[in-house]
C-alpha cells in the first residue's frame, strides 16, 4: 500500500533551500520516492491551516518511506534543512 510524506515548509533562506532541494530530489528518488506535488499554488478551502509551501512524496509503502526517513542520506540533510526552513512533516498511509 502506498504512503505519502507530506511537508509544510516555511522557507527562511531561499538560496540555501534551493541547494537543499537540488540535493534532496535524487536522494528521495533513490529510495523509490516520487514527488506528486511540490511548491505549486495552494488554495485553502476550509479551516485555519495556512501552508506556504507544500510537498508530497509518494512511496510504495510505509516501510519504504520509513527507510528513507531513517537513512544516512536523509540525516545528512538535517543541518541544511534546519538552517534553510521550518518544516512540519507527516507520513500517511494511502488507500
N, C-alpha and C. Protein backbone atom coordinates (compact mmCIF):
# COMPACT_ATOMS: atom_id res chain seq x y z
N UNK A 1 0.85 -1.18 0.00
CA UNK A 1 0.00 0.00 0.00
C UNK A 1 0.89 1.24 0.00
N UNK A 2 0.57 2.21 -0.83
CA UNK A 2 1.37 3.42 -0.94
C UNK A 2 1.36 4.22 0.36
N UNK A 3 2.32 5.12 0.45
CA UNK A 3 2.44 6.01 1.60
C UNK A 3 2.85 7.39 1.08
N UNK A 4 2.42 8.42 1.78
CA UNK A 4 2.69 9.79 1.35
C UNK A 4 3.36 10.57 2.47
N UNK A 5 4.49 11.15 2.15
CA UNK A 5 5.21 12.03 3.05
C UNK A 5 4.81 13.45 2.66
N UNK A 6 4.16 14.14 3.58
CA UNK A 6 3.64 15.48 3.30
C UNK A 6 4.38 16.48 4.17
N UNK A 7 4.92 17.49 3.53
CA UNK A 7 5.64 18.52 4.27
C UNK A 7 5.03 19.89 4.00
N UNK A 8 4.95 20.66 5.04
CA UNK A 8 4.51 22.05 5.01
C UNK A 8 5.76 22.85 5.34
N UNK A 9 6.26 23.62 4.39
CA UNK A 9 7.57 24.25 4.50
C UNK A 9 7.45 25.77 4.54
N UNK A 10 8.10 26.36 5.51
CA UNK A 10 8.31 27.81 5.55
C UNK A 10 9.79 28.02 5.24
N UNK A 11 10.09 28.51 4.06
CA UNK A 11 11.47 28.74 3.65
C UNK A 11 11.97 30.01 4.32
N UNK A 12 13.12 29.91 5.00
CA UNK A 12 13.70 31.06 5.69
C UNK A 12 14.95 31.58 5.00
N UNK A 13 15.54 30.76 4.12
CA UNK A 13 16.72 31.16 3.35
C UNK A 13 16.59 30.55 1.96
N UNK A 14 16.13 31.36 1.01
CA UNK A 14 15.82 30.87 -0.34
C UNK A 14 17.01 30.20 -1.03
N UNK A 15 18.17 30.82 -0.99
CA UNK A 15 19.32 30.26 -1.72
C UNK A 15 19.79 28.95 -1.09
N UNK A 16 19.81 28.90 0.22
CA UNK A 16 20.21 27.67 0.90
C UNK A 16 19.17 26.57 0.68
N UNK A 17 17.90 26.95 0.70
CA UNK A 17 16.84 25.96 0.46
C UNK A 17 16.92 25.41 -0.96
N UNK A 18 17.29 26.22 -1.92
CA UNK A 18 17.44 25.76 -3.30
C UNK A 18 18.51 24.67 -3.38
N UNK A 19 19.60 24.85 -2.64
CA UNK A 19 20.65 23.81 -2.59
C UNK A 19 20.10 22.53 -1.97
N UNK A 20 19.36 22.67 -0.89
CA UNK A 20 18.74 21.53 -0.21
C UNK A 20 17.82 20.79 -1.17
N UNK A 21 16.98 21.51 -1.88
CA UNK A 21 16.00 20.92 -2.81
C UNK A 21 16.71 20.14 -3.92
N UNK A 22 17.78 20.73 -4.48
CA UNK A 22 18.53 20.06 -5.55
C UNK A 22 19.15 18.75 -5.08
N UNK A 23 19.66 18.73 -3.87
CA UNK A 23 20.30 17.53 -3.33
C UNK A 23 19.28 16.51 -2.88
N UNK A 24 18.16 16.97 -2.38
CA UNK A 24 17.14 16.08 -1.82
C UNK A 24 16.46 15.24 -2.90
N UNK A 25 16.18 15.83 -4.04
CA UNK A 25 15.41 15.14 -5.08
C UNK A 25 16.03 13.80 -5.49
N UNK A 26 17.30 13.75 -5.91
CA UNK A 26 17.85 12.45 -6.30
C UNK A 26 17.96 11.48 -5.13
N UNK A 27 18.16 11.99 -3.94
CA UNK A 27 18.25 11.11 -2.77
C UNK A 27 16.91 10.44 -2.50
N UNK A 28 15.82 11.19 -2.57
CA UNK A 28 14.48 10.63 -2.38
C UNK A 28 14.17 9.62 -3.49
N UNK A 29 14.51 9.99 -4.71
CA UNK A 29 14.24 9.10 -5.84
C UNK A 29 15.02 7.79 -5.72
N UNK A 30 16.20 7.83 -5.12
CA UNK A 30 16.99 6.61 -4.95
C UNK A 30 16.33 5.63 -3.98
N UNK A 31 15.39 6.11 -3.17
CA UNK A 31 14.62 5.25 -2.26
C UNK A 31 13.23 4.95 -2.83
N UNK A 32 13.02 5.26 -4.08
CA UNK A 32 11.75 4.96 -4.73
C UNK A 32 10.70 6.03 -4.53
N UNK A 33 11.06 7.15 -3.92
CA UNK A 33 10.10 8.23 -3.71
C UNK A 33 9.87 9.02 -4.98
N UNK A 34 8.66 9.54 -5.12
CA UNK A 34 8.29 10.32 -6.31
C UNK A 34 7.48 11.53 -5.85
N UNK A 35 7.94 12.72 -6.23
CA UNK A 35 7.18 13.92 -5.89
C UNK A 35 5.89 13.94 -6.70
N UNK A 36 4.77 14.12 -6.02
CA UNK A 36 3.48 14.25 -6.70
C UNK A 36 2.95 15.68 -6.59
N UNK A 37 3.48 16.45 -5.66
CA UNK A 37 3.19 17.88 -5.54
C UNK A 37 4.43 18.52 -4.91
N UNK A 38 4.76 19.70 -5.41
CA UNK A 38 5.96 20.34 -4.89
C UNK A 38 5.93 21.84 -5.16
N UNK A 39 5.51 22.59 -4.14
CA UNK A 39 5.60 24.04 -4.22
C UNK A 39 4.63 24.72 -5.16
N UNK A 40 3.61 24.04 -5.60
CA UNK A 40 2.63 24.66 -6.50
C UNK A 40 1.68 25.58 -5.76
N UNK A 41 0.75 26.13 -6.50
CA UNK A 41 -0.25 27.03 -5.92
C UNK A 41 -1.07 26.29 -4.86
N UNK A 42 -1.38 26.98 -3.78
CA UNK A 42 -2.15 26.42 -2.68
C UNK A 42 -3.43 27.23 -2.52
N UNK A 43 -4.53 26.53 -2.39
CA UNK A 43 -5.82 27.19 -2.16
C UNK A 43 -6.43 26.57 -0.90
N UNK A 44 -6.53 27.35 0.16
CA UNK A 44 -7.14 26.88 1.40
C UNK A 44 -8.65 26.86 1.18
N UNK A 45 -9.26 25.71 1.38
CA UNK A 45 -10.69 25.53 1.15
C UNK A 45 -11.49 25.72 2.44
N UNK A 46 -10.94 25.21 3.55
CA UNK A 46 -11.68 25.27 4.81
C UNK A 46 -10.68 25.22 5.95
N UNK A 47 -11.00 25.86 7.05
CA UNK A 47 -10.15 25.79 8.23
C UNK A 47 -9.11 26.89 8.29
N UNK A 48 -8.26 26.79 9.29
CA UNK A 48 -7.29 27.86 9.55
C UNK A 48 -5.86 27.51 9.13
N UNK A 49 -5.66 26.31 8.60
CA UNK A 49 -4.32 25.93 8.15
C UNK A 49 -3.93 26.83 6.99
N UNK A 50 -2.74 27.43 7.05
CA UNK A 50 -2.29 28.35 6.02
C UNK A 50 -0.87 27.98 5.58
N UNK A 51 -0.72 26.85 4.92
CA UNK A 51 0.63 26.45 4.48
C UNK A 51 1.18 27.42 3.45
N UNK A 52 2.51 27.58 3.44
CA UNK A 52 3.13 28.47 2.47
C UNK A 52 3.74 27.70 1.30
N UNK A 53 4.18 26.49 1.56
CA UNK A 53 4.76 25.65 0.51
C UNK A 53 4.55 24.20 0.93
N UNK A 54 3.93 23.41 0.06
CA UNK A 54 3.68 22.00 0.34
C UNK A 54 4.47 21.13 -0.62
N UNK A 55 4.90 20.00 -0.12
CA UNK A 55 5.49 18.96 -0.96
C UNK A 55 4.88 17.64 -0.52
N UNK A 56 4.55 16.81 -1.50
CA UNK A 56 4.02 15.48 -1.23
C UNK A 56 4.86 14.49 -2.01
N UNK A 57 5.42 13.52 -1.28
CA UNK A 57 6.24 12.48 -1.90
C UNK A 57 5.53 11.15 -1.72
N UNK A 58 5.36 10.42 -2.80
CA UNK A 58 4.73 9.11 -2.76
C UNK A 58 5.81 8.03 -2.71
N UNK A 59 5.63 7.09 -1.79
CA UNK A 59 6.46 5.90 -1.69
C UNK A 59 5.57 4.69 -1.89
N UNK A 60 6.15 3.57 -2.24
CA UNK A 60 5.37 2.35 -2.46
C UNK A 60 4.75 1.81 -1.18
N UNK A 61 5.36 2.12 -0.03
CA UNK A 61 4.85 1.59 1.24
C UNK A 61 5.33 2.46 2.40
N UNK A 62 4.71 2.27 3.56
CA UNK A 62 5.14 2.96 4.78
C UNK A 62 6.57 2.54 5.11
N UNK A 63 6.89 1.26 4.92
CA UNK A 63 8.23 0.76 5.23
C UNK A 63 9.28 1.45 4.38
N UNK A 64 8.97 1.63 3.09
CA UNK A 64 9.90 2.30 2.20
C UNK A 64 10.10 3.76 2.62
N UNK A 65 9.02 4.43 2.98
CA UNK A 65 9.12 5.82 3.44
C UNK A 65 9.92 5.90 4.74
N UNK A 66 9.67 5.00 5.65
CA UNK A 66 10.41 4.99 6.92
C UNK A 66 11.89 4.70 6.69
N UNK A 67 12.17 3.85 5.71
CA UNK A 67 13.55 3.55 5.37
C UNK A 67 14.27 4.82 4.90
N UNK A 68 13.59 5.60 4.07
CA UNK A 68 14.16 6.87 3.63
C UNK A 68 14.36 7.81 4.83
N UNK A 69 13.35 7.94 5.66
CA UNK A 69 13.43 8.85 6.80
C UNK A 69 14.57 8.49 7.75
N UNK A 70 14.85 7.20 7.91
CA UNK A 70 15.91 6.74 8.82
C UNK A 70 17.28 6.66 8.15
N UNK A 71 17.34 6.91 6.86
CA UNK A 71 18.58 6.72 6.10
C UNK A 71 19.65 7.75 6.44
N UNK A 72 20.89 7.34 6.23
CA UNK A 72 22.02 8.25 6.41
C UNK A 72 21.93 9.41 5.42
N UNK A 73 21.41 9.13 4.21
CA UNK A 73 21.27 10.18 3.21
C UNK A 73 20.33 11.28 3.71
N UNK A 74 19.21 10.89 4.28
CA UNK A 74 18.26 11.88 4.81
C UNK A 74 18.85 12.60 6.02
N UNK A 75 19.48 11.87 6.91
CA UNK A 75 20.07 12.50 8.11
C UNK A 75 21.12 13.54 7.72
N UNK A 76 21.83 13.30 6.60
CA UNK A 76 22.86 14.23 6.15
C UNK A 76 22.27 15.59 5.77
N UNK A 77 20.97 15.64 5.49
CA UNK A 77 20.32 16.89 5.11
C UNK A 77 19.80 17.68 6.32
N UNK A 78 19.86 17.11 7.51
CA UNK A 78 19.29 17.78 8.69
C UNK A 78 19.80 19.20 8.89
N UNK A 79 21.10 19.40 8.77
CA UNK A 79 21.68 20.72 9.02
C UNK A 79 21.18 21.75 8.01
N UNK A 80 21.27 21.44 6.73
CA UNK A 80 20.85 22.40 5.70
C UNK A 80 19.34 22.62 5.74
N UNK A 81 18.59 21.56 6.08
CA UNK A 81 17.13 21.70 6.19
C UNK A 81 16.77 22.65 7.32
N UNK A 82 17.38 22.50 8.48
CA UNK A 82 17.03 23.35 9.62
C UNK A 82 17.55 24.77 9.47
N UNK A 83 18.64 24.97 8.73
CA UNK A 83 19.16 26.32 8.51
C UNK A 83 18.39 27.07 7.42
N UNK A 84 17.69 26.33 6.55
CA UNK A 84 17.03 26.99 5.42
C UNK A 84 15.51 27.05 5.52
N UNK A 85 14.94 26.33 6.52
CA UNK A 85 13.48 26.27 6.56
C UNK A 85 12.97 25.78 7.91
N UNK A 86 11.68 25.97 8.08
CA UNK A 86 10.93 25.36 9.20
C UNK A 86 9.96 24.39 8.53
N UNK A 87 9.98 23.13 8.95
CA UNK A 87 9.18 22.12 8.27
C UNK A 87 8.32 21.35 9.25
N UNK A 88 7.06 21.21 8.89
CA UNK A 88 6.14 20.28 9.56
C UNK A 88 5.99 19.11 8.59
N UNK A 89 6.04 17.88 9.12
CA UNK A 89 6.03 16.72 8.25
C UNK A 89 5.16 15.62 8.84
N UNK A 90 4.38 14.98 7.97
CA UNK A 90 3.59 13.82 8.39
C UNK A 90 3.76 12.72 7.34
N UNK A 91 3.57 11.49 7.78
CA UNK A 91 3.57 10.33 6.90
C UNK A 91 2.21 9.69 7.03
N UNK A 92 1.55 9.47 5.89
CA UNK A 92 0.20 8.90 5.92
C UNK A 92 0.13 7.74 4.94
N UNK A 93 -0.53 6.69 5.38
CA UNK A 93 -0.72 5.52 4.53
C UNK A 93 -1.81 5.80 3.50
N UNK A 94 -1.55 5.39 2.27
CA UNK A 94 -2.53 5.58 1.19
C UNK A 94 -3.63 4.52 1.22
N UNK A 95 -4.53 4.61 0.30
CA UNK A 95 -5.64 3.65 0.23
C UNK A 95 -5.42 2.69 -0.93
